C-alpha atoms as a PDB file:
ATOM      1  CA  MET A   1      92.477 139.896  69.582  1.00  0.00           C
ATOM      2  CA  GLN A   2      89.340 140.713  67.591  1.00  0.00           C
ATOM      3  CA  ALA A   3      89.044 142.182  64.364  1.00  0.00           C
ATOM      4  CA  ASP A   4      87.370 145.331  65.241  1.00  0.00           C
ATOM      5  CA  PRO A   5      90.248 147.797  64.299  1.00  0.00           C
ATOM      6  CA  VAL A   6      90.700 146.039  60.841  1.00  0.00           C
ATOM      7  CA  LEU A   7      86.829 146.164  60.256  1.00  0.00           C
ATOM      8  CA  ASP A   8      86.660 149.947  61.261  1.00  0.00           C
ATOM      9  CA  LEU A   9      89.408 150.483  58.659  1.00  0.00           C
ATOM     10  CA  LEU A  10      87.587 148.501  56.159  1.00  0.00           C
ATOM     11  CA  ARG A  11      84.529 150.460  56.703  1.00  0.00           C
ATOM     12  CA  GLU A  12      86.602 153.526  55.722  1.00  0.00           C
ATOM     13  CA  THR A  13      88.773 152.334  53.208  1.00  0.00           C
ATOM     14  CA  THR A  14      86.800 149.804  51.029  1.00  0.00           C
ATOM     15  CA  PRO A  15      84.732 152.483  49.386  1.00  0.00           C
ATOM     16  CA  ARG A  16      87.686 154.829  48.814  1.00  0.00           C
ATOM     17  CA  ILE A  17      89.533 151.850  47.096  1.00  0.00           C
ATOM     18  CA  LEU A  18      86.505 150.752  45.182  1.00  0.00           C
ATOM     19  CA  GLU A  19      85.944 154.303  43.716  1.00  0.00           C
ATOM     20  CA  GLN A  20      89.790 154.642  42.927  1.00  0.00           C
ATOM     21  CA  VAL A  21      90.166 151.295  41.253  1.00  0.00           C
ATOM     22  CA  ALA A  22      86.963 151.056  39.408  1.00  0.00           C
ATOM     23  CA  PHE A  23      84.858 154.189  39.727  1.00  0.00           C
ATOM     24  CA  VAL A  24      82.387 152.090  41.842  1.00  0.00           C
ATOM     25  CA  PHE A  25      80.572 153.624  44.561  1.00  0.00           C
ATOM     26  CA  ALA A  26      79.559 152.001  47.638  1.00  0.00           C
ATOM     27  CA  ASP A  27      77.824 152.562  50.682  1.00  0.00           C
ATOM     28  CA  LEU A  28      78.188 150.930  54.155  1.00  0.00           C
ATOM     29  CA  THR A  29      75.004 148.906  55.016  1.00  0.00           C
ATOM     30  CA  ASP A  30      73.613 146.770  57.904  1.00  0.00           C
ATOM     31  CA  GLU A  31      70.889 145.519  55.755  1.00  0.00           C
ATOM     32  CA  ALA A  32      72.573 143.679  52.800  1.00  0.00           C
ATOM     33  CA  GLU A  33      70.558 141.261  50.950  1.00  0.00           C
ATOM     34  CA  PRO A  34      71.699 137.810  51.104  1.00  0.00           C
ATOM     35  CA  PHE A  35      74.066 136.483  48.446  1.00  0.00           C
ATOM     36  CA  THR A  36      72.381 134.089  46.159  1.00  0.00           C
ATOM     37  CA  GLY A  37      74.010 131.549  43.462  1.00  0.00           C
ATOM     38  CA  ASP A  38      77.683 131.611  43.331  1.00  0.00           C
ATOM     39  CA  VAL A  39      79.939 134.308  44.553  1.00  0.00           C
ATOM     40  CA  LEU A  40      83.424 135.050  44.119  1.00  0.00           C
ATOM     41  CA  GLU A  41      85.685 135.313  47.062  1.00  0.00           C
ATOM     42  CA  ALA A  42      89.136 136.827  47.306  1.00  0.00           C
ATOM     43  CA  ASP A  43      91.685 136.149  49.960  1.00  0.00           C
ATOM     44  CA  ILE A  44      94.970 137.669  50.724  1.00  0.00           C
ATOM     45  CA  ASP A  45      97.178 136.797  53.799  1.00  0.00           C
ATOM     46  CA  PHE A  46      99.385 139.408  55.745  1.00  0.00           C
ATOM     47  CA  ASN A  47     102.138 139.183  57.949  1.00  0.00           C
ATOM     48  CA  GLY A  48     103.640 141.878  60.104  1.00  0.00           C
ATOM     49  CA  PRO A  49     103.118 142.699  63.790  1.00  0.00           C
ATOM     50  CA  MET A  50      99.708 141.069  63.322  1.00  0.00           C
ATOM     51  CA  VAL A  51      99.154 138.118  60.915  1.00  0.00           C
ATOM     52  CA  GLY A  52      95.822 137.248  59.192  1.00  0.00           C
ATOM     53  CA  THR A  53      93.685 137.342  56.030  1.00  0.00           C
ATOM     54  CA  LEU A  54      91.626 140.085  54.321  1.00  0.00           C
ATOM     55  CA  ARG A  55      88.734 138.896  52.047  1.00  0.00           C
ATOM     56  CA  LEU A  56      86.351 140.386  49.444  1.00  0.00           C
ATOM     57  CA  THR A  57      83.161 138.631  48.797  1.00  0.00           C
ATOM     58  CA  THR A  58      80.776 139.422  46.167  1.00  0.00           C
ATOM     59  CA  SER A  59      78.522 138.270  43.340  1.00  0.00           C
ATOM     60  CA  ALA A  60      79.928 137.298  39.976  1.00  0.00           C
ATOM     61  CA  ALA A  61      77.890 140.003  38.358  1.00  0.00           C
ATOM     62  CA  CYS A  62      79.266 142.563  40.682  1.00  0.00           C
ATOM     63  CA  ALA A  63      82.985 141.472  40.063  1.00  0.00           C
ATOM     64  CA  ALA A  64      82.141 141.584  36.393  1.00  0.00           C
ATOM     65  CA  ASN A  65      81.011 145.105  36.656  1.00  0.00           C
ATOM     66  CA  LEU A  66      84.252 145.975  38.695  1.00  0.00           C
ATOM     67  CA  ALA A  67      86.326 144.289  35.770  1.00  0.00           C
ATOM     68  CA  ALA A  68      84.283 146.233  32.996  1.00  0.00           C
ATOM     69  CA  SER A  69      84.620 149.628  34.994  1.00  0.00           C
ATOM     70  CA  LEU A  70      88.402 149.123  35.438  1.00  0.00           C
ATOM     71  CA  LEU A  71      88.859 148.056  31.735  1.00  0.00           C
ATOM     72  CA  GLY A  72      86.446 150.781  30.283  1.00  0.00           C
ATOM     73  CA  VAL A  73      84.204 148.319  28.482  1.00  0.00           C
ATOM     74  CA  GLU A  74      80.534 147.141  29.050  1.00  0.00           C
ATOM     75  CA  ALA A  75      79.819 144.792  31.724  1.00  0.00           C
ATOM     76  CA  ASP A  76      78.221 142.214  29.162  1.00  0.00           C
ATOM     77  CA  ASP A  77      81.524 142.239  26.850  1.00  0.00           C
ATOM     78  CA  PRO A  78      82.886 138.848  26.741  1.00  0.00           C
ATOM     79  CA  ALA A  79      86.420 139.954  26.897  1.00  0.00           C
ATOM     80  CA  ILE A  80      86.206 140.771  30.373  1.00  0.00           C
ATOM     81  CA  ASP A  81      85.744 137.160  31.497  1.00  0.00           C
ATOM     82  CA  LYS A  82      89.052 136.242  31.649  1.00  0.00           C
ATOM     83  CA  TYR A  83      89.891 139.508  33.872  1.00  0.00           C
ATOM     84  CA  VAL A  84      87.193 139.151  36.449  1.00  0.00           C
ATOM     85  CA  SER A  85      89.033 137.087  38.896  1.00  0.00           C
ATOM     86  CA  ASP A  86      92.278 139.118  38.383  1.00  0.00           C
ATOM     87  CA  VAL A  87      90.563 142.392  38.902  1.00  0.00           C
ATOM     88  CA  LEU A  88      88.892 141.254  42.117  1.00  0.00           C
ATOM     89  CA  GLY A  89      92.319 140.064  43.262  1.00  0.00           C
ATOM     90  CA  GLU A  90      93.819 143.383  42.570  1.00  0.00           C
ATOM     91  CA  THR A  91      91.214 145.200  44.186  1.00  0.00           C
ATOM     92  CA  LEU A  92      91.802 143.272  47.293  1.00  0.00           C
ATOM     93  CA  ASN A  93      95.448 143.544  46.898  1.00  0.00           C
ATOM     94  CA  MET A  94      95.207 147.465  47.019  1.00  0.00           C
ATOM     95  CA  LEU A  95      92.833 147.344  49.914  1.00  0.00           C
ATOM     96  CA  CYS A  96      95.077 145.227  51.725  1.00  0.00           C
ATOM     97  CA  GLY A  97      98.022 147.708  51.191  1.00  0.00           C
ATOM     98  CA  ALA A  98      95.947 150.558  52.378  1.00  0.00           C
ATOM     99  CA  VAL A  99      94.748 148.696  55.453  1.00  0.00           C
ATOM    100  CA  LEU A 100      98.149 147.533  56.518  1.00  0.00           C
ATOM    101  CA  LEU A 101      99.823 150.936  56.050  1.00  0.00           C
ATOM    102  CA  GLN A 102      97.100 152.623  58.267  1.00  0.00           C
ATOM    103  CA  LEU A 103      97.470 149.575  60.847  1.00  0.00           C
ATOM    104  CA  PHE A 104     101.256 149.441  61.190  1.00  0.00           C
ATOM    105  CA  GLY A 105     102.525 152.291  59.263  1.00  0.00           C
ATOM    106  CA  ALA A 106     105.368 151.886  56.904  1.00  0.00           C
ATOM    107  CA  VAL A 107     107.089 148.833  58.620  1.00  0.00           C
ATOM    108  CA  ASP A 108     109.507 146.811  56.567  1.00  0.00           C
ATOM    109  CA  SER A 109     108.530 143.622  58.089  1.00  0.00           C
ATOM    110  CA  THR A 110     104.910 143.765  56.954  1.00  0.00           C
ATOM    111  CA  HIS A 111     104.255 141.885  53.831  1.00  0.00           C
ATOM    112  CA  SER A 112     101.106 140.514  52.065  1.00  0.00           C
ATOM    113  CA  GLY A 113     100.838 137.462  49.865  1.00  0.00           C
ATOM    114  CA  VAL A 114      99.383 137.045  46.472  1.00  0.00           C
ATOM    115  CA  PRO A 115      95.418 137.231  46.283  1.00  0.00           C
ATOM    116  CA  PHE A 116      93.698 133.802  45.881  1.00  0.00           C
ATOM    117  CA  VAL A 117      90.360 134.048  44.117  1.00  0.00           C
ATOM    118  CA  ARG A 118      87.821 131.350  44.009  1.00  0.00           C
ATOM    119  CA  ALA A 119      84.035 130.687  43.183  1.00  0.00           C
ATOM    120  CA  ARG A 120      81.782 129.206  46.049  1.00  0.00           C
ATOM    121  CA  PRO A 121      78.284 128.690  46.750  1.00  0.00           C
ATOM    122  CA  ALA A 122      76.409 131.700  48.505  1.00  0.00           C
ATOM    123  CA  ASN A 123      75.433 129.528  51.372  1.00  0.00           C
ATOM    124  CA  ASP A 124      79.006 128.225  52.165  1.00  0.00           C
ATOM    125  CA  THR A 125      79.898 129.580  55.502  1.00  0.00           C
ATOM    126  CA  SER A 126      82.513 127.009  56.174  1.00  0.00           C
ATOM    127  CA  VAL A 127      85.156 129.702  56.980  1.00  0.00           C
ATOM    128  CA  PRO A 128      83.716 132.331  59.344  1.00  0.00           C
ATOM    129  CA  PHE A 129      84.771 135.738  58.436  1.00  0.00           C
ATOM    130  CA  GLU A 130      83.973 139.103  60.589  1.00  0.00           C
ATOM    131  CA  ALA A 131      82.849 141.371  57.557  1.00  0.00           C
ATOM    132  CA  VAL A 132      81.193 144.662  56.729  1.00  0.00           C
ATOM    133  CA  SER A 133      78.739 144.923  53.857  1.00  0.00           C
ATOM    134  CA  PHE A 134      78.506 147.634  51.211  1.00  0.00           C
ATOM    135  CA  VAL A 135      75.997 148.102  48.427  1.00  0.00           C
ATOM    136  CA  THR A 136      77.278 149.609  45.293  1.00  0.00           C
ATOM    137  CA  ASP A 137      75.336 152.351  43.346  1.00  0.00           C
ATOM    138  CA  ASP A 138      74.080 149.594  41.059  1.00  0.00           C
ATOM    139  CA  GLY A 139      72.730 147.444  43.902  1.00  0.00           C
ATOM    140  CA  HIS A 140      75.437 144.846  44.280  1.00  0.00           C
ATOM    141  CA  ARG A 141      76.641 143.647  47.610  1.00  0.00           C
ATOM    142  CA  ILE A 142      80.438 143.643  48.432  1.00  0.00           C
ATOM    143  CA  ASP A 143      81.593 142.205  51.682  1.00  0.00           C
ATOM    144  CA  ALA A 144      84.999 143.031  53.151  1.00  0.00           C
ATOM    145  CA  GLY A 145      86.172 141.025  56.044  1.00  0.00           C
ATOM    146  CA  ALA A 146      89.165 139.888  57.955  1.00  0.00           C
ATOM    147  CA  VAL A 147      90.459 137.326  60.527  1.00  0.00           C
ATOM    148  CA  TRP A 148      93.853 138.136  62.434  1.00  0.00           C
ATOM    149  CA  ARG A 149      95.675 137.465  65.495  1.00  0.00           C
ATOM    150  CA  LYS A 150      98.727 138.758  67.146  1.00  0.00           C
ATOM    151  CA  ARG A 151     102.169 137.485  65.864  1.00  0.00           C
ATOM    152  CA  GLU A 152     103.287 134.515  68.026  1.00  0.00           C
ATOM    153  CA  SER A 153     106.920 135.215  69.406  1.00  0.00           C
END
């Protein structure tokens, strides 16, 4: 099965979650500038009527802005450095919860894992993900993507 229903939900839900979590406003774009340098990538696995992984990908600068906004400090405050990965992971966790609820309803058998955040070079495309891109009000790119498949019986 293709990820189109999940991508449709990510198109609708990602900007809302970014705004609610960190007061970051983002618009869907078909013309996102390529990432340069290192990016941060957060993955979370889910298991229910479907199984798969959701992913948020963004620049380190954008992740720092998310963390600063959530914590109510300036983006250049060195205190946020230790929270950047946690904030990106928690943002994805909240996005995953919203997407799963919309996909499957309140099904007891639906679970998500713990977000895993890592840095990777921008040009590393070793794990293909279907994704939608957003541009934040300060010009940063955030991709929300998914891979999923029917649960095997």
